[in-house]
Amino acid sequence: MSLVVRSFRSIMKKGCEGIAVTLFIVMFATFLLQIFSRYVLNAPLGWTVEVCVILYIWLVFWTSAFLLRDSEHVSFNMLFLMANPRQKRVMAILGILCIGVAMAAGLPVIVDYVQFMHIEKAPVTRIPLNYIYAIFPVFIIAVVIRSAMSLYRLFTRRWQDEVAAIAGDEEEQRDLP
């Protein structure tokens, strides 16, 4: 991988991490504000719970889309880990193909529904729900792109590296996004 690509990836990863950390800090500060207002001032703030939920939604989908590797997601991979490398390759191709195609097929409907949600607003903050759930199509697009990249790598001569990355072999993951 070229130096330009590595430095670009590094900058993008740091930026994505910065956004995730900011979301978490704001969520945690809002949570602490709720505790303080409820138990010290005896005057709970209704908006804090809603803001925490909105930030949590964004944090989960942002992190899943841009920061977690496939091997870091929760998975049931007992059969995959018991298979030989060629069987793992076939399993990975089939699994990633199913996920990528399903997400790509659902994307137009998901985008349409999120846009439709502009008519609804959050009960307390009055934020339109299309803003709250705007991160979900971004997550779907990221999954489709990552699936396509993974499939591409599974059809190259270095497919063993991709299988190792999917399986969570730390040594092999260093060179893969």
Protein backbone atom coordinates (compact mmCIF):
# COMPACT_ATOMS: atom_id res chain seq x y z
CA MET A 1 0.00 0.00 0.00
CA SER A 2 1.43 3.39 -0.97
CA LEU A 3 2.47 6.03 1.55
CA VAL A 4 -0.19 8.45 0.26
CA VAL A 5 -2.97 5.91 0.75
CA ARG A 6 -1.71 5.01 4.24
CA SER A 7 -1.49 8.63 5.33
CA PHE A 8 -4.97 9.36 3.89
CA ARG A 9 -6.37 6.33 5.75
CA SER A 10 -4.66 7.45 8.93
CA ILE A 11 -6.09 10.97 8.66
CA MET A 12 -9.58 9.65 7.91
CA LYS A 13 -9.42 7.17 10.80
CA LYS A 14 -8.30 9.89 13.22
CA GLY A 15 -11.14 12.10 12.00
CA CYS A 16 -13.71 9.33 12.43
CA GLU A 17 -12.33 8.53 15.88
CA GLY A 18 -12.51 12.22 16.79
CA ILE A 19 -16.17 12.37 15.79
CA ALA A 20 -16.94 9.20 17.77
CA VAL A 21 -15.14 10.53 20.85
CA THR A 22 -16.99 13.85 20.56
CA LEU A 23 -20.34 12.06 20.32
CA PHE A 24 -19.49 10.00 23.39
CA ILE A 25 -18.28 12.99 25.42
CA VAL A 26 -21.40 15.02 24.61
CA MET A 27 -23.60 12.01 25.43
CA PHE A 28 -21.81 11.44 28.73
CA ALA A 29 -21.93 15.15 29.66
CA THR A 30 -25.66 15.19 28.91
CA PHE A 31 -26.09 12.09 31.07
CA LEU A 32 -24.19 13.74 33.95
CA LEU A 33 -26.29 16.88 33.54
CA GLN A 34 -29.43 14.75 33.88
CA ILE A 35 -28.11 13.13 37.07
CA PHE A 36 -27.14 16.50 38.53
CA SER A 37 -30.45 18.16 37.66
CA ARG A 38 -32.52 15.24 38.91
CA TYR A 39 -30.76 14.34 42.14
CA VAL A 40 -29.07 17.58 43.19
CA LEU A 41 -31.42 20.26 41.90
CA ASN A 42 -34.51 18.00 42.10
CA ALA A 43 -35.57 19.37 38.71
CA PRO A 44 -35.17 16.72 35.99
CA LEU A 45 -34.61 17.89 32.45
CA GLY A 46 -36.74 16.01 29.94
CA TRP A 47 -34.60 16.72 26.91
CA THR A 48 -31.46 15.07 28.28
CA VAL A 49 -32.76 11.52 27.95
CA GLU A 50 -33.81 12.14 24.37
CA VAL A 51 -30.47 13.73 23.47
CA CYS A 52 -28.62 10.77 25.01
CA VAL A 53 -30.67 8.34 22.92
CA ILE A 54 -30.08 10.35 19.73
CA LEU A 55 -26.34 10.55 20.38
CA TYR A 56 -26.23 6.83 21.18
CA ILE A 57 -27.91 6.01 17.86
CA TRP A 58 -25.37 8.14 16.01
CA LEU A 59 -22.46 6.74 18.01
CA VAL A 60 -23.39 3.10 17.35
CA PHE A 61 -23.95 3.49 13.61
CA TRP A 62 -20.99 5.87 13.11
CA THR A 63 -18.60 3.53 14.91
CA SER A 64 -19.97 0.45 13.15
CA ALA A 65 -19.70 2.11 9.75
CA PHE A 66 -16.24 3.62 10.02
CA LEU A 67 -14.23 2.24 12.92
CA LEU A 68 -15.00 -1.40 13.63
CA ARG A 69 -13.43 -4.15 11.55
CA ASP A 70 -15.58 -7.09 10.48
CA SER A 71 -13.88 -9.31 13.05
CA GLU A 72 -14.82 -6.86 15.83
CA HIS A 73 -18.55 -7.16 15.20
CA VAL A 74 -20.53 -9.76 17.09
CA SER A 75 -20.65 -12.92 15.00
CA PHE A 76 -21.38 -16.61 15.26
CA ASN A 77 -18.37 -18.08 13.55
CA MET A 78 -17.75 -21.51 15.08
CA LEU A 79 -18.14 -23.30 11.75
CA PHE A 80 -16.10 -20.65 9.96
CA LEU A 81 -13.19 -20.98 12.38
CA MET A 82 -13.21 -24.81 12.08
CA ALA A 83 -13.06 -24.76 8.27
CA ASN A 84 -9.90 -24.97 6.19
CA PRO A 85 -8.75 -21.78 4.37
CA ARG A 86 -10.47 -22.58 1.07
CA GLN A 87 -13.75 -23.37 2.81
CA LYS A 88 -13.41 -20.13 4.78
CA ARG A 89 -12.98 -18.27 1.52
CA VAL A 90 -16.17 -19.76 0.09
CA MET A 91 -18.08 -19.08 3.32
CA ALA A 92 -16.78 -15.50 3.40
CA ILE A 93 -17.75 -14.89 -0.24
CA LEU A 94 -21.26 -16.24 0.30
CA GLY A 95 -21.80 -14.41 3.59
CA ILE A 96 -20.44 -11.08 2.40
CA LEU A 97 -22.33 -11.37 -0.87
CA CYS A 98 -25.60 -11.97 0.99
CA ILE A 99 -25.03 -9.04 3.36
CA GLY A 100 -23.82 -6.66 0.65
CA VAL A 101 -26.63 -7.47 -1.77
CA ALA A 102 -29.30 -7.27 0.96
CA MET A 103 -28.00 -3.91 2.16
CA ALA A 104 -27.68 -2.55 -1.40
CA ALA A 105 -31.18 -3.76 -2.27
CA GLY A 106 -32.63 -2.14 0.84
CA LEU A 107 -30.80 1.17 0.47
CA PRO A 108 -33.32 2.97 -1.79
CA VAL A 109 -36.21 2.07 0.51
CA ILE A 110 -34.21 3.03 3.60
CA VAL A 111 -33.25 6.41 2.14
CA ASP A 112 -36.86 7.01 1.08
CA TYR A 113 -38.16 6.15 4.55
CA VAL A 114 -35.59 8.30 6.34
CA GLN A 115 -36.53 11.22 4.07
CA PHE A 116 -40.21 10.53 4.77
CA MET A 117 -39.53 10.77 8.51
CA HIS A 118 -39.22 14.56 8.21
CA ILE A 119 -42.92 14.75 9.04
CA GLU A 120 -42.30 13.31 12.53
CA LYS A 121 -40.39 15.05 15.29
CA ALA A 122 -38.83 13.84 18.51
CA PRO A 123 -41.32 14.42 21.34
CA VAL A 124 -39.23 16.72 23.54
CA THR A 125 -36.46 18.25 21.43
CA ARG A 126 -38.67 18.53 18.33
CA ILE A 127 -35.77 17.43 16.12
CA PRO A 128 -37.13 15.97 12.86
CA LEU A 129 -36.65 12.20 12.83
CA ASN A 130 -35.01 12.27 9.41
CA TYR A 131 -32.06 14.08 11.03
CA ILE A 132 -31.96 11.62 13.89
CA TYR A 133 -31.91 8.59 11.59
CA ALA A 134 -29.82 10.14 8.78
CA ILE A 135 -26.83 8.11 9.99
CA PHE A 136 -28.53 4.82 9.10
CA PRO A 137 -28.26 5.20 5.29
CA VAL A 138 -24.63 6.27 5.79
CA PHE A 139 -24.07 3.04 7.72
CA ILE A 140 -25.75 0.99 4.97
CA ILE A 141 -23.59 2.63 2.28
CA ALA A 142 -20.46 1.93 4.33
CA VAL A 143 -21.46 -1.74 4.70
CA VAL A 144 -22.04 -2.05 0.94
CA ILE A 145 -18.67 -0.45 0.15
CA ARG A 146 -16.85 -2.58 2.72
CA SER A 147 -18.57 -5.69 1.36
CA ALA A 148 -17.51 -4.84 -2.19
CA MET A 149 -13.92 -4.21 -1.07
CA SER A 150 -13.83 -7.45 0.89
CA LEU A 151 -15.26 -9.42 -2.04
CA TYR A 152 -12.67 -7.88 -4.33
CA ARG A 153 -9.86 -8.91 -1.97
CA LEU A 154 -11.33 -12.43 -1.70
CA PHE A 155 -10.95 -12.79 -5.48
CA THR A 156 -7.32 -11.65 -5.60
CA ARG A 157 -4.13 -13.65 -5.08
CA ARG A 158 -3.91 -12.38 -1.48
CA TRP A 159 -7.31 -13.80 -0.52
CA GLN A 160 -5.73 -15.58 2.47
CA ASP A 161 -5.02 -12.17 4.07
CA GLU A 162 -8.68 -11.20 3.76
CA VAL A 163 -9.84 -14.53 5.22
CA ALA A 164 -7.42 -14.02 8.12
CA ALA A 165 -8.75 -10.50 8.67
CA ILE A 166 -12.34 -11.74 8.70
CA ALA A 167 -11.38 -14.48 11.14
CA GLY A 168 -9.71 -11.91 13.40
CA ASP A 169 -6.08 -12.91 12.96
CA GLU A 170 -4.37 -9.76 14.29
CA GLU A 171 -1.11 -10.26 12.42
CA GLU A 172 -2.80 -10.35 9.03
CA GLN A 173 -5.13 -7.39 9.68
CA ARG A 174 -2.46 -4.69 9.78
CA ASP A 175 -2.46 -4.09 6.02
CA LEU A 176 -6.22 -4.18 5.49
CA PRO A 177 -8.78 -1.37 6.03
